[in-house]
Protein backbone atom coordinates (compact mmCIF):
# COMPACT_ATOMS: atom_id res chain seq x y z
CA MET A 1 7.12 -7.69 -10.11
CA SER A 2 2.96 -9.44 -9.70
CA LYS A 3 4.49 -10.72 -6.51
CA LEU A 4 3.80 -7.46 -4.77
CA TYR A 5 1.35 -6.86 -6.34
CA PRO A 6 -1.44 -6.41 -4.08
CA TRP A 7 -5.16 -8.91 -5.06
CA ALA A 8 -7.09 -5.96 -4.06
CA GLU A 9 -7.13 -2.76 -2.14
CA ALA A 10 -9.06 -1.25 0.73
CA ALA A 11 -9.25 1.98 2.26
CA SER A 12 -9.26 -0.35 5.90
CA ALA A 13 -8.93 -4.01 7.46
CA TYR A 14 -12.72 -2.67 9.02
CA GLN A 15 -13.98 -1.49 5.70
CA ILE A 16 -13.27 -5.35 3.51
CA ASP A 17 -16.79 -6.89 2.83
CA TYR A 18 -15.99 -9.61 5.17
CA GLN A 19 -19.53 -11.53 4.22
CA LYS A 20 -19.31 -11.72 0.87
CA GLU A 21 -15.34 -12.96 1.17
CA TYR A 22 -17.38 -16.01 3.16
CA ASP A 23 -19.69 -16.16 0.69
CA ASN A 24 -17.05 -16.76 -1.44
CA GLY A 25 -15.72 -19.07 -0.88
CA VAL A 26 -13.70 -17.89 2.41
CA ARG A 27 -13.08 -19.65 5.16
CA GLY A 28 -10.05 -17.97 6.97
CA VAL A 29 -8.06 -14.67 7.10
CA LEU A 30 -4.85 -13.94 8.43
CA PHE A 31 -4.33 -9.98 9.48
CA ASP A 32 -1.48 -7.91 9.55
CA VAL A 33 -1.00 -6.10 13.40
CA ASP A 34 0.82 -3.00 13.11
CA ASN A 35 -0.56 -0.28 11.70
CA THR A 36 -3.15 -3.09 9.96
CA LEU A 37 -5.35 -3.60 12.81
CA VAL A 38 -3.83 -1.13 15.16
CA ARG A 39 -1.32 1.81 15.49
CA HIS A 40 2.44 0.02 15.84
CA GLY A 41 3.08 -1.91 19.28
CA GLU A 42 -0.45 -0.67 21.01
CA PRO A 43 -3.22 -3.69 22.12
CA ALA A 44 -6.00 -4.83 20.95
CA THR A 45 -8.40 -1.67 20.03
CA LYS A 46 -12.36 -2.34 20.36
CA GLN A 47 -13.13 -1.87 17.07
CA ALA A 48 -10.38 -4.58 16.47
CA LYS A 49 -12.36 -6.41 19.05
CA GLU A 50 -15.86 -5.63 17.54
CA LEU A 51 -14.38 -7.12 13.99
CA PHE A 52 -12.70 -10.12 15.32
CA GLU A 53 -16.28 -10.73 16.86
CA HIS A 54 -17.60 -9.91 13.64
CA LEU A 55 -15.76 -12.74 12.07
CA ARG A 56 -16.24 -15.32 13.99
CA SER A 57 -20.12 -14.72 13.74
CA ILE A 58 -20.02 -15.32 9.70
CA GLY A 59 -17.90 -18.71 10.17
CA LEU A 60 -13.93 -17.23 9.57
CA LYS A 61 -11.47 -18.48 11.50
CA THR A 62 -8.50 -15.58 12.31
CA CYS A 63 -4.86 -15.26 13.11
CA ILE A 64 -2.47 -12.72 13.74
CA ILE A 65 0.84 -12.63 12.17
CA SER A 66 3.84 -9.96 12.26
CA ASN A 67 7.45 -8.84 12.08
CA ASN A 68 6.96 -7.40 15.14
CA LYS A 69 9.41 -7.61 17.47
CA GLU A 70 7.39 -9.52 19.85
CA PRO A 71 7.04 -13.97 19.32
CA ARG A 72 4.72 -14.54 16.46
CA VAL A 73 4.85 -15.19 13.25
CA SER A 74 6.64 -13.33 10.33
CA THR A 75 5.45 -11.58 7.66
CA PHE A 76 7.90 -11.55 4.96
CA ALA A 77 8.55 -15.39 5.65
CA LYS A 78 6.68 -18.13 3.46
CA GLU A 79 6.09 -20.31 5.51
CA GLY A 80 4.48 -17.97 8.38
CA TYR A 81 1.53 -17.97 6.18
CA GLU A 82 1.69 -21.89 5.90
CA ASP A 83 2.07 -22.41 9.58
CA ALA A 84 -0.78 -19.60 10.07
CA MET A 85 -3.68 -21.49 7.98
CA LYS A 86 -2.37 -24.24 9.42
CA ARG A 87 -3.21 -23.34 12.69
CA ILE A 88 -6.76 -22.42 11.46
CA HIS A 89 -7.02 -25.63 9.39
CA THR A 90 -7.40 -23.38 5.86
CA THR A 91 -6.15 -23.58 2.45
CA PRO A 92 -4.70 -20.67 -0.27
CA ASP A 93 -7.42 -21.11 -2.21
CA THR A 94 -9.61 -20.76 1.16
CA THR A 95 -7.46 -17.78 2.62
CA ILE A 96 -7.11 -13.89 1.81
CA PHE A 97 -4.54 -11.15 3.82
CA ILE A 98 -4.74 -7.86 5.02
CA GLY A 99 -1.76 -6.25 5.12
CA ASP A 100 -0.48 -2.62 5.24
CA GLN A 101 2.63 -3.44 3.70
CA ILE A 102 3.68 -4.53 0.69
CA PHE A 103 7.21 -6.11 0.58
CA THR A 104 6.84 -7.49 3.85
CA ASP A 105 2.73 -8.77 4.31
CA ILE A 106 2.00 -8.77 0.39
CA TYR A 107 5.15 -9.98 -0.91
CA GLY A 108 4.86 -13.17 1.40
CA ALA A 109 1.54 -14.03 1.19
CA ASN A 110 1.64 -14.07 -2.21
CA ARG A 111 4.50 -16.18 -2.15
CA ALA A 112 2.11 -18.58 -0.07
CA GLY A 113 -0.60 -18.02 -2.63
CA ILE A 114 -3.14 -16.34 -1.09
CA ARG A 115 -5.22 -12.96 -2.02
CA THR A 116 -4.24 -9.87 0.03
CA TYR A 117 -5.65 -7.26 0.76
CA LEU A 118 -3.46 -3.69 1.00
CA VAL A 119 -4.89 -1.76 3.13
CA GLN A 120 -4.13 1.75 3.99
CA PRO A 121 -2.03 2.09 7.49
CA ILE A 122 -3.93 3.22 10.75
CA HIS A 123 -1.55 5.86 11.50
CA PRO A 124 1.36 8.46 9.59
CA LYS A 125 3.97 7.67 11.93
CA GLU A 126 5.89 5.06 11.65
CA GLU A 127 9.94 3.56 11.88
CA ILE A 128 12.19 5.28 9.54
CA GLN A 129 13.22 1.86 7.96
CA ILE A 130 9.23 1.67 7.12
CA VAL A 131 9.20 5.63 5.98
CA LEU A 132 12.27 4.49 2.88
CA LYS A 133 10.71 1.85 2.08
CA ARG A 134 6.86 3.76 1.49
CA TYR A 135 9.03 5.60 -0.76
CA ILE A 136 9.66 2.36 -3.31
CA GLU A 137 6.94 0.93 -2.33
CA ARG A 138 4.59 4.20 -4.25
CA ILE A 139 6.85 2.62 -6.90
CA VAL A 140 5.19 -0.67 -7.09
CA LEU A 141 1.96 0.73 -6.63
CA PHE A 142 1.63 3.66 -9.67
CA PHE A 143 3.02 0.38 -11.55
CA TYR A 144 -0.10 -1.51 -10.47
CA HIS A 145 -1.98 0.65 -11.00
CA ARG A 146 -1.08 1.28 -14.26
CA ARG A 147 -1.59 -2.24 -15.17
CA ASN A 148 -5.15 -1.96 -13.84
CA LYS A 149 -6.32 0.66 -15.25
CA ARG A 150 -6.01 -1.32 -19.52
């Protein structure tokens, strides 16, 4: 089950200390987009644009990957993460991934050897298949939190 566990959790992608990550050797940040940076299916917000400007000012390279129907890199496939790292010229040791779903975002990035942040979804309204997966995610998170209390 450890491949399903995030390296860390954050309330939001907007509350992570990216400067600290950069100071610790991170040079690239991969993001899921839907419900991680913006509401599902919506365009970039002012907040998202400002975050990316901030990341660039620190010196971080970024790439957005998603399972959305748009032509993007898949968050489920290990190869998708590897392709994204090639695009931004980073390695698993110098990359972090931020996403809101365990079974796609976290699992895929963990398989690629990337440190992961699980964030809370931006908006509660989601497609039915995601709503159903959230119930199973709660079970995974129960065991994750129980393991981390030791």
